[in-house]
Structures are given as structure tokens and as C-alpha cells.
Amino acid sequence: MPQRTVLVVVFDEVQSLDVTGPVEVFTGAEQHTPGSYRVRTASPDGAPVRTSSGLTLVSDGALATAAVPHTLVVPGGPGTRHPDPRLADWLRRHGARAERLVSVCTGAALLAAAGLLDGRRATTHWAYCAALARDHPAVRVDPEPIYVRDGNVATSAGVTSGIDLALALVEEDLGRDAALTVARHLVVFLRRPGNQAQFSAQLAAQTARREPLRDVQQWVSEHPAADLSVAALAARARLSPRHFARAFRAETGITPGRYVDRVRLEHARRLLEDTADGIEEISRASGYGTPEAMRRAFVRALGAAPAEYRRRFRPAPVL
């Protein structure tokens, strides 16, 4: 098996976890499968860099002397707003030569500025998706998933999603057992699928300002198997269905139906991940009624049927 080189670029004001998360995953995989990865870091001039949290990282060398790697990882952080010209120039000249390009958080902005995301689907931290789309119209920005694969280019959302993406790459390179072993070592209990939303249902929707609507949101999350039609929720809020639907969307940013869909999906996912309950039992408990209805919802939102989701993303027991 050929050894894959992994180069992580570092720079002043980089987000430290954007760097250390993927580094820990790849070095953990190397410990599991010796000879699988050689992980290095490089700064614009080879000097130590100061991260956005004040930590100092000592790089392995300068970018100018770094060989083009198999996997190039570009982290994010405040330093991407005004990048070092040497870093930007190196990415423009050498980035496309890497067999696999990876960004974490706002590292996507550096790849986009180098023209490496043109015509590709990509993501970044939710707070910067609009800016990435505005500044780089040739990039198809998707603000929803925690990471996106488009050919040999992979971009991820904020901070910890870099760990999820790195685990997915290890699984691709070395297999599921290696990725799960690394995840258990890092006490990461679930390798999240890339098309999982950046937010939970409750975070994805703003919290309503008015107490009756907030109470409805809370009640929905606690009773996913109940009648959650607009009429039933409106009655609980003591509003007409039409007024309720308008007010809910105005205050949360999504329709009541969409909110209910997200809550039910999230509830079913948690049961699949954390329990041994059967698919039929979970479908009823989550408000789908039938396994087929739950299967359609999972395939539509996550690209995998419930049984496949459980097989792939429920952590293996520690023996």
C-alpha cells in the first residue's frame, strides 16, 4: 500500500482545531495502519504561527520547499480574510497538482480565491456561506451539509466538521474498521454523514420571540409522534391555522411543516444511533407511522435508508 502524504498549511490567525482535528485523525490512522500516512505542516516562511486562540504552532517547514502532497488540507480562521500573499500564490501554482484537496471552515475561501473551486459544489461554515457565494460566483455554494465531495475536492463546514471529513477520507483510503478505530480513540461517538445538516432542527430554526410559538417548538421536539399538522399546532398556540403558519415562518425562518420534518428526522436518527430498537418501532416513535414513510424521508434528506444509516453511522461497541 503506497504511503499517502498529507500536508496541512498553517498561517497566522488560523483556527487551531481546523488544523489539529484532521492531523489527529490522519496520525491516528497511521498508528492503526503503519505506513498509510505521512503528515506534515508548512507555513508561508517555515516560522511558527500564532493561531486565532493564541496557541503557537511550529510547522515542519516552509511552503516553498514543500513537495506537492497526495492530500492538501487548507484550514480556516480569521487569517483567511487577508491571507499571506505567499500562501495565496503557492495555492494558485501548486494546489491543483494535489491528488486530493481538502478545506476546513473558511479555508474554502482560500481555495476559491486560487480558482480551485470554480464550477464545483462546496460548503463552508454557515456564517460565511453567503460571503463565499457572493465573492466567488463560479462556486456552487451549498450551506446545508457538514461536508461536500466534488471529485477530488472536499470542503467542510465549521471546525469539528473537519474531523468528520478526515474520518470519511480515512474510511475511503483504509476501510471502515480503520475509521471507526480512530473515531473511538478520539472519543468521537459518531462519524456524521456529509449530507447531515450543519444545524440541529432547533438550531436551524430561530427561536420564536412570542411565547406561544416557543412553546409549540418545544412541544414538537418532545412529541414527534403526535399530530403535528398545522391545524393541531395552531390550536395549541391558540391562533388560526393561517395566522399561525405566517407567524411561525416569520419568527423562525421556516414553515411549520419543514420544522416538523427536521425534528422527526433528528429524533429517528438519534434512536438509530443510540438504541437497538427496530425500524418499525422507531418509525412510529418518530411520527412517520410506517417504515416506508421513514425510509423515504431518510433517502431524501440523507441519501441512505434507515438500516444503511444505522450500519454506517452507529459506533461499534468497544470490546
C-alpha atoms as a PDB file:
ATOM      1  CA  MET A   1       0.000   0.000   0.000  1.00  0.00           C
ATOM      2  CA  PRO A   2       1.530   3.346  -1.015  1.00  0.00           C
ATOM      3  CA  GLN A   3       2.007   5.906   1.732  1.00  0.00           C
ATOM      4  CA  ARG A   4      -0.169   8.992   1.283  1.00  0.00           C
ATOM      5  CA  THR A   5       1.406  12.312   2.184  1.00  0.00           C
ATOM      6  CA  VAL A   6      -0.835  14.814   3.943  1.00  0.00           C
ATOM      7  CA  LEU A   7       0.223  18.461   4.008  1.00  0.00           C
ATOM      8  CA  VAL A   8      -1.631  20.898   6.254  1.00  0.00           C
ATOM      9  CA  VAL A   9      -0.896  24.554   5.556  1.00  0.00           C
ATOM     10  CA  VAL A  10      -0.756  26.824   8.612  1.00  0.00           C
ATOM     11  CA  PHE A  11      -0.669  30.591   8.912  1.00  0.00           C
ATOM     12  CA  ASP A  12      -1.104  33.343  11.451  1.00  0.00           C
ATOM     13  CA  GLU A  13      -4.659  33.552  12.840  1.00  0.00           C
ATOM     14  CA  VAL A  14      -5.511  30.010  11.710  1.00  0.00           C
ATOM     15  CA  GLN A  15      -8.237  28.222  13.706  1.00  0.00           C
ATOM     16  CA  SER A  16      -6.292  25.712  15.782  1.00  0.00           C
ATOM     17  CA  LEU A  17      -8.913  22.944  15.727  1.00  0.00           C
ATOM     18  CA  ASP A  18      -9.157  23.195  11.934  1.00  0.00           C
ATOM     19  CA  VAL A  19      -5.523  22.076  11.968  1.00  0.00           C
ATOM     20  CA  THR A  20      -5.344  19.671  14.882  1.00  0.00           C
ATOM     21  CA  GLY A  21      -8.620  17.864  14.167  1.00  0.00           C
ATOM     22  CA  PRO A  22      -7.593  16.449  10.756  1.00  0.00           C
ATOM     23  CA  VAL A  23      -3.988  15.992  11.933  1.00  0.00           C
ATOM     24  CA  GLU A  24      -5.130  13.806  14.833  1.00  0.00           C
ATOM     25  CA  VAL A  25      -7.317  11.733  12.508  1.00  0.00           C
ATOM     26  CA  PHE A  26      -4.606  11.083   9.937  1.00  0.00           C
ATOM     27  CA  THR A  27      -1.890  10.429  12.507  1.00  0.00           C
ATOM     28  CA  GLY A  28      -4.280   8.116  14.340  1.00  0.00           C
ATOM     29  CA  ALA A  29      -4.843   6.241  11.102  1.00  0.00           C
ATOM     30  CA  GLU A  30      -1.078   5.963  10.641  1.00  0.00           C
ATOM     31  CA  GLN A  31      -0.806   4.405  14.087  1.00  0.00           C
ATOM     32  CA  HIS A  32      -3.574   1.970  13.201  1.00  0.00           C
ATOM     33  CA  THR A  33      -2.091   1.138   9.796  1.00  0.00           C
ATOM     34  CA  PRO A  34       1.649   1.910   9.799  1.00  0.00           C
ATOM     35  CA  GLY A  35       2.874   3.284   6.516  1.00  0.00           C
ATOM     36  CA  SER A  36      -0.525   4.652   5.491  1.00  0.00           C
ATOM     37  CA  TYR A  37       0.056   8.384   6.001  1.00  0.00           C
ATOM     38  CA  ARG A  38       2.887  10.858   6.417  1.00  0.00           C
ATOM     39  CA  VAL A  39       1.505  14.067   7.920  1.00  0.00           C
ATOM     40  CA  ARG A  40       3.362  17.378   7.654  1.00  0.00           C
ATOM     41  CA  THR A  41       2.622  21.053   8.225  1.00  0.00           C
ATOM     42  CA  ALA A  42       4.013  24.044   6.369  1.00  0.00           C
ATOM     43  CA  SER A  43       3.777  27.774   6.976  1.00  0.00           C
ATOM     44  CA  PRO A  44       4.477  30.505   4.404  1.00  0.00           C
ATOM     45  CA  ASP A  45       8.071  31.004   5.620  1.00  0.00           C
ATOM     46  CA  GLY A  46       8.604  27.966   7.844  1.00  0.00           C
ATOM     47  CA  ALA A  47       8.301  30.035  11.018  1.00  0.00           C
ATOM     48  CA  PRO A  48       5.923  29.226  13.899  1.00  0.00           C
ATOM     49  CA  VAL A  49       2.435  30.691  13.567  1.00  0.00           C
ATOM     50  CA  ARG A  50       0.086  32.096  16.180  1.00  0.00           C
ATOM     51  CA  THR A  51      -3.444  30.711  15.983  1.00  0.00           C
ATOM     52  CA  SER A  52      -6.621  32.719  16.476  1.00  0.00           C
ATOM     53  CA  SER A  53      -6.863  31.403  20.050  1.00  0.00           C
ATOM     54  CA  GLY A  54      -3.290  32.421  20.890  1.00  0.00           C
ATOM     55  CA  LEU A  55      -1.668  28.990  20.637  1.00  0.00           C
ATOM     56  CA  THR A  56       1.625  28.750  18.778  1.00  0.00           C
ATOM     57  CA  LEU A  57       2.074  26.019  16.172  1.00  0.00           C
ATOM     58  CA  VAL A  58       5.543  25.025  14.972  1.00  0.00           C
ATOM     59  CA  SER A  59       5.466  23.993  11.322  1.00  0.00           C
ATOM     60  CA  ASP A  60       7.664  21.345   9.707  1.00  0.00           C
ATOM     61  CA  GLY A  61       8.969  23.777   7.119  1.00  0.00           C
ATOM     62  CA  ALA A  62       8.256  26.447   4.533  1.00  0.00           C
ATOM     63  CA  LEU A  63       5.732  26.125   1.756  1.00  0.00           C
ATOM     64  CA  ALA A  64       8.375  26.984  -0.825  1.00  0.00           C
ATOM     65  CA  THR A  65      10.232  23.760  -0.023  1.00  0.00           C
ATOM     66  CA  ALA A  66       7.153  21.557   0.484  1.00  0.00           C
ATOM     67  CA  ALA A  67       6.510  18.814  -2.032  1.00  0.00           C
ATOM     68  CA  VAL A  68       3.035  18.664  -3.545  1.00  0.00           C
ATOM     69  CA  PRO A  69       1.203  16.103  -1.368  1.00  0.00           C
ATOM     70  CA  HIS A  70      -1.370  13.445  -2.024  1.00  0.00           C
ATOM     71  CA  THR A  71      -3.819  15.261   0.287  1.00  0.00           C
ATOM     72  CA  LEU A  72      -3.596  19.013   0.791  1.00  0.00           C
ATOM     73  CA  VAL A  73      -5.536  20.357   3.786  1.00  0.00           C
ATOM     74  CA  VAL A  74      -6.321  24.075   3.954  1.00  0.00           C
ATOM     75  CA  PRO A  75      -7.775  25.149   7.329  1.00  0.00           C
ATOM     76  CA  GLY A  76      -9.721  28.301   8.059  1.00  0.00           C
ATOM     77  CA  GLY A  77      -9.753  31.050  10.635  1.00  0.00           C
ATOM     78  CA  PRO A  78      -9.546  34.852  10.728  1.00  0.00           C
ATOM     79  CA  GLY A  79      -6.244  34.661   8.849  1.00  0.00           C
ATOM     80  CA  THR A  80      -8.113  33.761   5.662  1.00  0.00           C
ATOM     81  CA  ARG A  81      -9.596  37.251   5.454  1.00  0.00           C
ATOM     82  CA  HIS A  82      -6.262  38.798   4.487  1.00  0.00           C
ATOM     83  CA  PRO A  83      -4.121  35.795   3.536  1.00  0.00           C
ATOM     84  CA  ASP A  84      -0.353  35.879   3.324  1.00  0.00           C
ATOM     85  CA  PRO A  85       0.473  36.535  -0.364  1.00  0.00           C
ATOM     86  CA  ARG A  86       2.996  33.677  -0.285  1.00  0.00           C
ATOM     87  CA  LEU A  87       0.268  31.236   0.741  1.00  0.00           C
ATOM     88  CA  ALA A  88      -2.175  32.508  -1.876  1.00  0.00           C
ATOM     89  CA  ASP A  89       0.490  32.311  -4.590  1.00  0.00           C
ATOM     90  CA  TRP A  90       1.532  28.776  -3.577  1.00  0.00           C
ATOM     91  CA  LEU A  91      -2.066  27.562  -3.698  1.00  0.00           C
ATOM     92  CA  ARG A  92      -2.573  29.079  -7.162  1.00  0.00           C
ATOM     93  CA  ARG A  93       0.581  27.480  -8.516  1.00  0.00           C
ATOM     94  CA  HIS A  94       0.517  24.109  -6.790  1.00  0.00           C
ATOM     95  CA  GLY A  95      -2.939  23.430  -5.341  1.00  0.00           C
ATOM     96  CA  ALA A  96      -4.378  21.768  -8.429  1.00  0.00           C
ATOM     97  CA  ARG A  97      -1.470  19.306  -8.509  1.00  0.00           C
ATOM     98  CA  ALA A  98      -2.505  17.623  -5.258  1.00  0.00           C
ATOM     99  CA  GLU A  99      -4.420  14.385  -5.770  1.00  0.00           C
ATOM    100  CA  ARG A 100      -6.935  15.447  -3.142  1.00  0.00           C
ATOM    101  CA  LEU A 101      -7.823  18.971  -1.994  1.00  0.00           C
ATOM    102  CA  VAL A 102      -9.457  19.469   1.390  1.00  0.00           C
ATOM    103  CA  SER A 103     -10.611  22.609   3.175  1.00  0.00           C
ATOM    104  CA  VAL A 104     -11.957  23.127   6.670  1.00  0.00           C
ATOM    105  CA  CYS A 105     -14.245  26.032   7.525  1.00  0.00           C
ATOM    106  CA  THR A 106     -13.181  29.261   5.780  1.00  0.00           C
ATOM    107  CA  GLY A 107     -10.232  27.500   4.190  1.00  0.00           C
ATOM    108  CA  ALA A 108     -12.719  27.185   1.318  1.00  0.00           C
ATOM    109  CA  ALA A 109     -12.254  30.909   0.688  1.00  0.00           C
ATOM    110  CA  LEU A 110      -8.538  30.354   0.084  1.00  0.00           C
ATOM    111  CA  LEU A 111      -9.268  27.548  -2.373  1.00  0.00           C
ATOM    112  CA  ALA A 112     -11.882  29.686  -4.115  1.00  0.00           C
ATOM    113  CA  ALA A 113      -9.520  32.660  -4.382  1.00  0.00           C
ATOM    114  CA  ALA A 114      -6.992  30.366  -6.058  1.00  0.00           C
ATOM    115  CA  GLY A 115      -9.624  29.306  -8.613  1.00  0.00           C
ATOM    116  CA  LEU A 116      -9.645  25.756  -7.256  1.00  0.00           C
ATOM    117  CA  LEU A 117     -13.391  25.660  -6.586  1.00  0.00           C
ATOM    118  CA  ASP A 118     -14.627  27.146  -9.862  1.00  0.00           C
ATOM    119  CA  GLY A 119     -17.525  25.124 -11.222  1.00  0.00           C
ATOM    120  CA  ARG A 120     -17.614  22.922  -8.147  1.00  0.00           C
ATOM    121  CA  ARG A 121     -20.112  22.399  -5.345  1.00  0.00           C
ATOM    122  CA  ALA A 122     -18.642  23.417  -1.999  1.00  0.00           C
ATOM    123  CA  THR A 123     -19.511  24.414   1.544  1.00  0.00           C
ATOM    124  CA  THR A 124     -18.009  26.334   4.427  1.00  0.00           C
ATOM    125  CA  HIS A 125     -19.012  27.478   7.908  1.00  0.00           C
ATOM    126  CA  TRP A 126     -22.682  28.516   7.818  1.00  0.00           C
ATOM    127  CA  ALA A 127     -21.833  32.097   8.805  1.00  0.00           C
ATOM    128  CA  TYR A 128     -19.638  32.573   5.715  1.00  0.00           C
ATOM    129  CA  CYS A 129     -21.595  30.734   3.015  1.00  0.00           C
ATOM    130  CA  ALA A 130     -23.281  33.884   1.738  1.00  0.00           C
ATOM    131  CA  ALA A 131     -19.948  35.723   1.501  1.00  0.00           C
ATOM    132  CA  LEU A 132     -18.324  32.801  -0.318  1.00  0.00           C
ATOM    133  CA  ALA A 133     -21.175  32.722  -2.844  1.00  0.00           C
ATOM    134  CA  ARG A 134     -21.063  36.493  -3.304  1.00  0.00           C
ATOM    135  CA  ASP A 135     -17.310  36.772  -3.699  1.00  0.00           C
ATOM    136  CA  HIS A 136     -16.920  33.688  -5.885  1.00  0.00           C
ATOM    137  CA  PRO A 137     -19.973  33.298  -8.155  1.00  0.00           C
ATOM    138  CA  ALA A 138     -18.307  30.470 -10.071  1.00  0.00           C
ATOM    139  CA  VAL A 139     -18.579  28.292  -6.942  1.00  0.00           C
ATOM    140  CA  ARG A 140     -21.839  26.419  -6.251  1.00  0.00           C
ATOM    141  CA  VAL A 141     -22.092  27.046  -2.509  1.00  0.00           C
ATOM    142  CA  ASP A 142     -24.288  24.663  -0.508  1.00  0.00           C
ATOM    143  CA  PRO A 143     -24.842  25.991   3.037  1.00  0.00           C
ATOM    144  CA  GLU A 144     -26.558  22.868   4.386  1.00  0.00           C
ATOM    145  CA  PRO A 145     -24.149  19.898   4.672  1.00  0.00           C
ATOM    146  CA  ILE A 146     -21.250  19.495   7.056  1.00  0.00           C
ATOM    147  CA  TYR A 147     -19.007  18.490   4.163  1.00  0.00           C
ATOM    148  CA  VAL A 148     -19.201  18.191   0.391  1.00  0.00           C
ATOM    149  CA  ARG A 149     -17.264  15.984  -2.014  1.00  0.00           C
ATOM    150  CA  ASP A 150     -16.940  17.102  -5.630  1.00  0.00           C
ATOM    151  CA  GLY A 151     -14.431  14.982  -7.500  1.00  0.00           C
ATOM    152  CA  ASN A 152     -11.064  15.218  -5.790  1.00  0.00           C
ATOM    153  CA  VAL A 153     -12.082  18.348  -3.864  1.00  0.00           C
ATOM    154  CA  ALA A 154     -13.680  18.129  -0.417  1.00  0.00           C
ATOM    155  CA  THR A 155     -14.828  21.139   1.595  1.00  0.00           C
ATOM    156  CA  SER A 156     -16.220  21.108   5.127  1.00  0.00           C
ATOM    157  CA  ALA A 157     -18.162  23.392   7.416  1.00  0.00           C
ATOM    158  CA  GLY A 158     -17.010  24.851  10.683  1.00  0.00           C
ATOM    159  CA  VAL A 159     -14.312  23.495  12.968  1.00  0.00           C
ATOM    160  CA  THR A 160     -15.271  19.980  14.134  1.00  0.00           C
ATOM    161  CA  SER A 161     -16.668  19.026  10.720  1.00  0.00           C
ATOM    162  CA  GLY A 162     -13.030  18.780   9.611  1.00  0.00           C
ATOM    163  CA  ILE A 163     -12.796  15.700  11.849  1.00  0.00           C
ATOM    164  CA  ASP A 164     -15.854  14.172  10.177  1.00  0.00           C
ATOM    165  CA  LEU A 165     -14.414  14.796   6.734  1.00  0.00           C
ATOM    166  CA  ALA A 166     -10.992  13.424   7.678  1.00  0.00           C
ATOM    167  CA  LEU A 167     -12.633  10.270   9.068  1.00  0.00           C
ATOM    168  CA  ALA A 168     -14.560   9.857   5.816  1.00  0.00           C
ATOM    169  CA  LEU A 169     -11.297  10.120   3.860  1.00  0.00           C
ATOM    170  CA  VAL A 170      -9.643   7.546   6.111  1.00  0.00           C
ATOM    171  CA  GLU A 171     -12.574   5.207   5.542  1.00  0.00           C
ATOM    172  CA  GLU A 172     -12.181   5.726   1.799  1.00  0.00           C
ATOM    173  CA  ASP A 173      -8.448   5.008   1.966  1.00  0.00           C
ATOM    174  CA  LEU A 174      -8.200   2.289   4.610  1.00  0.00           C
ATOM    175  CA  GLY A 175     -11.711   0.970   5.206  1.00  0.00           C
ATOM    176  CA  ARG A 176     -14.461   1.284   7.789  1.00  0.00           C
ATOM    177  CA  ASP A 177     -12.661  -0.542  10.605  1.00  0.00           C
ATOM    178  CA  ALA A 178      -9.724   1.863  10.498  1.00  0.00           C
ATOM    179  CA  ALA A 179     -12.003   4.903  10.555  1.00  0.00           C
ATOM    180  CA  LEU A 180     -14.056   3.541  13.456  1.00  0.00           C
ATOM    181  CA  THR A 181     -10.921   2.695  15.417  1.00  0.00           C
ATOM    182  CA  VAL A 182      -9.662   6.262  15.028  1.00  0.00           C
ATOM    183  CA  ALA A 183     -13.098   7.656  15.930  1.00  0.00           C
ATOM    184  CA  ARG A 184     -13.216   5.579  19.114  1.00  0.00           C
ATOM    185  CA  HIS A 185      -9.699   6.656  20.049  1.00  0.00           C
ATOM    186  CA  LEU A 186     -10.705  10.303  19.669  1.00  0.00           C
ATOM    187  CA  VAL A 187     -13.931   9.589  21.589  1.00  0.00           C
ATOM    188  CA  VAL A 188     -15.937  10.634  18.561  1.00  0.00           C
ATOM    189  CA  PHE A 189     -19.030   8.525  19.003  1.00  0.00           C
ATOM    190  CA  LEU A 190     -20.460   9.077  15.558  1.00  0.00           C
ATOM    191  CA  ARG A 191     -18.962   9.692  12.165  1.00  0.00           C
ATOM    192  CA  ARG A 192     -21.561  12.088  10.789  1.00  0.00           C
ATOM    193  CA  PRO A 193     -22.560  11.706   7.129  1.00  0.00           C
ATOM    194  CA  GLY A 194     -21.539  14.593   4.921  1.00  0.00           C
ATOM    195  CA  ASN A 195     -25.084  15.486   3.989  1.00  0.00           C
ATOM    196  CA  GLN A 196     -26.117  15.899   7.605  1.00  0.00           C
ATOM    197  CA  ALA A 197     -27.242  19.487   8.147  1.00  0.00           C
ATOM    198  CA  GLN A 198     -24.889  21.901   9.892  1.00  0.00           C
ATOM    199  CA  PHE A 199     -27.648  22.609  12.424  1.00  0.00           C
ATOM    200  CA  SER A 200     -29.940  20.502  14.522  1.00  0.00           C
ATOM    201  CA  ALA A 201     -33.620  21.224  13.940  1.00  0.00           C
ATOM    202  CA  GLN A 202     -33.731  23.515  16.950  1.00  0.00           C
ATOM    203  CA  LEU A 203     -30.623  25.418  15.879  1.00  0.00           C
ATOM    204  CA  ALA A 204     -31.590  25.521  12.213  1.00  0.00           C
ATOM    205  CA  ALA A 205     -34.725  27.440  13.091  1.00  0.00           C
ATOM    206  CA  GLN A 206     -34.537  30.641  15.024  1.00  0.00           C
ATOM    207  CA  THR A 207     -36.252  30.541  18.388  1.00  0.00           C
ATOM    208  CA  ALA A 208     -39.581  32.311  18.108  1.00  0.00           C
ATOM    209  CA  ARG A 209     -39.941  35.570  20.011  1.00  0.00           C
ATOM    210  CA  ARG A 210     -43.530  35.031  21.143  1.00  0.00           C
ATOM    211  CA  GLU A 211     -44.061  32.602  23.983  1.00  0.00           C
ATOM    212  CA  PRO A 212     -46.914  30.607  22.361  1.00  0.00           C
ATOM    213  CA  LEU A 213     -44.739  29.856  19.330  1.00  0.00           C
ATOM    214  CA  ARG A 214     -41.735  28.990  21.512  1.00  0.00           C
ATOM    215  CA  ASP A 215     -43.950  26.619  23.465  1.00  0.00           C
ATOM    216  CA  VAL A 216     -45.064  24.975  20.236  1.00  0.00           C
ATOM    217  CA  GLN A 217     -41.453  24.499  19.145  1.00  0.00           C
ATOM    218  CA  GLN A 218     -40.628  22.846  22.451  1.00  0.00           C
ATOM    219  CA  TRP A 219     -43.728  20.661  22.342  1.00  0.00           C
ATOM    220  CA  VAL A 220     -42.935  19.462  18.822  1.00  0.00           C
ATOM    221  CA  SER A 221     -39.415  18.428  19.855  1.00  0.00           C
ATOM    222  CA  GLU A 222     -40.801  16.495  22.835  1.00  0.00           C
ATOM    223  CA  HIS A 223     -43.724  14.832  20.998  1.00  0.00           C
ATOM    224  CA  PRO A 224     -42.587  13.926  17.449  1.00  0.00           C
ATOM    225  CA  ALA A 225     -45.179  11.124  17.192  1.00  0.00           C
ATOM    226  CA  ALA A 226     -48.139  13.390  17.939  1.00  0.00           C
ATOM    227  CA  ASP A 227     -50.478  15.044  15.458  1.00  0.00           C
ATOM    228  CA  LEU A 228     -48.244  17.871  14.252  1.00  0.00           C
ATOM    229  CA  SER A 229     -50.411  19.219  11.493  1.00  0.00           C
ATOM    230  CA  VAL A 230     -50.663  22.981  11.106  1.00  0.00           C
ATOM    231  CA  ALA A 231     -54.227  22.858  12.415  1.00  0.00           C
ATOM    232  CA  ALA A 232     -53.203  20.967  15.559  1.00  0.00           C
ATOM    233  CA  LEU A 233     -50.208  23.220  16.237  1.00  0.00           C
ATOM    234  CA  ALA A 234     -52.254  26.347  15.595  1.00  0.00           C
ATOM    235  CA  ALA A 235     -54.836  25.183  18.119  1.00  0.00           C
ATOM    236  CA  ARG A 236     -52.075  24.653  20.671  1.00  0.00           C
ATOM    237  CA  ALA A 237     -50.852  28.221  20.041  1.00  0.00           C
ATOM    238  CA  ARG A 238     -54.457  29.486  20.118  1.00  0.00           C
ATOM    239  CA  LEU A 239     -54.140  31.014  16.671  1.00  0.00           C
ATOM    240  CA  SER A 240     -55.946  30.422  13.409  1.00  0.00           C
ATOM    241  CA  PRO A 241     -54.041  27.999  11.103  1.00  0.00           C
ATOM    242  CA  ARG A 242     -53.356  30.777   8.601  1.00  0.00           C
ATOM    243  CA  HIS A 243     -52.127  33.243  11.227  1.00  0.00           C
ATOM    244  CA  PHE A 244     -50.058  30.545  12.925  1.00  0.00           C
ATOM    245  CA  ALA A 245     -48.335  29.459   9.701  1.00  0.00           C
ATOM    246  CA  ARG A 246     -47.452  33.042   8.802  1.00  0.00           C
ATOM    247  CA  ALA A 247     -46.240  33.935  12.290  1.00  0.00           C
ATOM    248  CA  PHE A 248     -44.203  30.753  12.660  1.00  0.00           C
ATOM    249  CA  ARG A 249     -42.376  31.300   9.403  1.00  0.00           C
ATOM    250  CA  ALA A 250     -41.817  34.991  10.116  1.00  0.00           C
ATOM    251  CA  GLU A 251     -40.255  34.271  13.509  1.00  0.00           C
ATOM    252  CA  THR A 252     -38.312  31.073  12.787  1.00  0.00           C
ATOM    253  CA  GLY A 253     -37.428  31.378   9.118  1.00  0.00           C
ATOM    254  CA  ILE A 254     -39.015  28.056   8.106  1.00  0.00           C
ATOM    255  CA  THR A 255     -42.536  26.693   7.700  1.00  0.00           C
ATOM    256  CA  PRO A 256     -44.149  24.610  10.447  1.00  0.00           C
ATOM    257  CA  GLY A 257     -44.114  21.566   8.167  1.00  0.00           C
ATOM    258  CA  ARG A 258     -40.415  21.898   7.452  1.00  0.00           C
ATOM    259  CA  TYR A 259     -39.676  22.284  11.163  1.00  0.00           C
ATOM    260  CA  VAL A 260     -41.659  19.154  11.974  1.00  0.00           C
ATOM    261  CA  ASP A 261     -39.828  17.239   9.226  1.00  0.00           C
ATOM    262  CA  ARG A 262     -36.466  18.197  10.721  1.00  0.00           C
ATOM    263  CA  VAL A 263     -37.480  17.305  14.269  1.00  0.00           C
ATOM    264  CA  ARG A 264     -38.776  13.905  13.229  1.00  0.00           C
ATOM    265  CA  LEU A 265     -35.703  13.117  11.175  1.00  0.00           C
ATOM    266  CA  GLU A 266     -33.413  14.154  14.018  1.00  0.00           C
ATOM    267  CA  HIS A 267     -35.398  12.070  16.524  1.00  0.00           C
ATOM    268  CA  ALA A 268     -35.252   8.992  14.287  1.00  0.00           C
ATOM    269  CA  ARG A 269     -31.527   9.457  13.716  1.00  0.00           C
ATOM    270  CA  ARG A 270     -30.843   9.585  17.444  1.00  0.00           C
ATOM    271  CA  LEU A 271     -32.822   6.385  18.027  1.00  0.00           C
ATOM    272  CA  LEU A 272     -30.971   4.621  15.222  1.00  0.00           C
ATOM    273  CA  GLU A 273     -27.643   5.764  16.623  1.00  0.00           C
ATOM    274  CA  ASP A 274     -28.292   5.196  20.321  1.00  0.00           C
ATOM    275  CA  THR A 275     -30.740   2.280  20.627  1.00  0.00           C
ATOM    276  CA  ALA A 276     -31.307  -1.228  19.312  1.00  0.00           C
ATOM    277  CA  ASP A 277     -34.987  -0.528  18.610  1.00  0.00           C
ATOM    278  CA  GLY A 278     -36.378  -1.940  15.394  1.00  0.00           C
ATOM    279  CA  ILE A 279     -37.059   0.202  12.308  1.00  0.00           C
ATOM    280  CA  GLU A 280     -40.832  -0.178  12.649  1.00  0.00           C
ATOM    281  CA  GLU A 281     -40.764   0.854  16.304  1.00  0.00           C
ATOM    282  CA  ILE A 282     -38.569   3.873  15.536  1.00  0.00           C
ATOM    283  CA  SER A 283     -40.776   4.944  12.632  1.00  0.00           C
ATOM    284  CA  ARG A 284     -43.819   5.026  14.941  1.00  0.00           C
ATOM    285  CA  ALA A 285     -41.962   6.755  17.780  1.00  0.00           C
ATOM    286  CA  SER A 286     -40.704   9.440  15.397  1.00  0.00           C
ATOM    287  CA  GLY A 287     -44.071  10.210  13.871  1.00  0.00           C
ATOM    288  CA  TYR A 288     -43.607   8.570  10.485  1.00  0.00           C
ATOM    289  CA  GLY A 289     -46.224   5.915  11.069  1.00  0.00           C
ATOM    290  CA  THR A 290     -44.700   3.361   8.717  1.00  0.00           C
ATOM    291  CA  PRO A 291     -41.154   2.202   7.934  1.00  0.00           C
ATOM    292  CA  GLU A 292     -41.685   3.129   4.294  1.00  0.00           C
ATOM    293  CA  ALA A 293     -42.521   6.734   5.158  1.00  0.00           C
ATOM    294  CA  MET A 294     -39.377   6.944   7.288  1.00  0.00           C
ATOM    295  CA  ARG A 295     -37.298   5.329   4.546  1.00  0.00           C
ATOM    296  CA  ARG A 296     -38.447   7.942   2.023  1.00  0.00           C
ATOM    297  CA  ALA A 297     -37.597  10.762   4.435  1.00  0.00           C
ATOM    298  CA  PHE A 298     -34.117   9.363   5.112  1.00  0.00           C
ATOM    299  CA  VAL A 299     -33.288   8.775   1.458  1.00  0.00           C
ATOM    300  CA  ARG A 300     -34.489  12.257   0.555  1.00  0.00           C
ATOM    301  CA  ALA A 301     -32.568  14.032   3.338  1.00  0.00           C
ATOM    302  CA  LEU A 302     -29.523  11.817   3.957  1.00  0.00           C
ATOM    303  CA  GLY A 303     -29.154   9.685   0.844  1.00  0.00           C
ATOM    304  CA  ALA A 304     -29.369   6.446   2.844  1.00  0.00           C
ATOM    305  CA  ALA A 305     -32.196   4.218   4.067  1.00  0.00           C
ATOM    306  CA  PRO A 306     -32.548   3.878   7.878  1.00  0.00           C
ATOM    307  CA  ALA A 307     -30.955   0.422   8.035  1.00  0.00           C
ATOM    308  CA  GLU A 308     -27.975   1.588   5.973  1.00  0.00           C
ATOM    309  CA  TYR A 309     -27.685   4.753   8.066  1.00  0.00           C
ATOM    310  CA  ARG A 310     -27.563   2.655  11.239  1.00  0.00           C
ATOM    311  CA  ARG A 311     -24.983   0.279   9.767  1.00  0.00           C
ATOM    312  CA  ARG A 312     -22.686   3.064   8.665  1.00  0.00           C
ATOM    313  CA  PHE A 313     -23.006   5.628  11.433  1.00  0.00           C
ATOM    314  CA  ARG A 314     -23.789   3.818  14.657  1.00  0.00           C
ATOM    315  CA  PRO A 315     -20.490   3.440  16.532  1.00  0.00           C
ATOM    316  CA  ALA A 316     -19.230  -0.077  17.013  1.00  0.00           C
ATOM    317  CA  PRO A 317     -19.089  -1.302  20.641  1.00  0.00           C
ATOM    318  CA  VAL A 318     -15.740  -1.071  22.385  1.00  0.00           C
ATOM    319  CA  LEU A 319     -14.632  -4.622  23.204  1.00  0.00           C
END
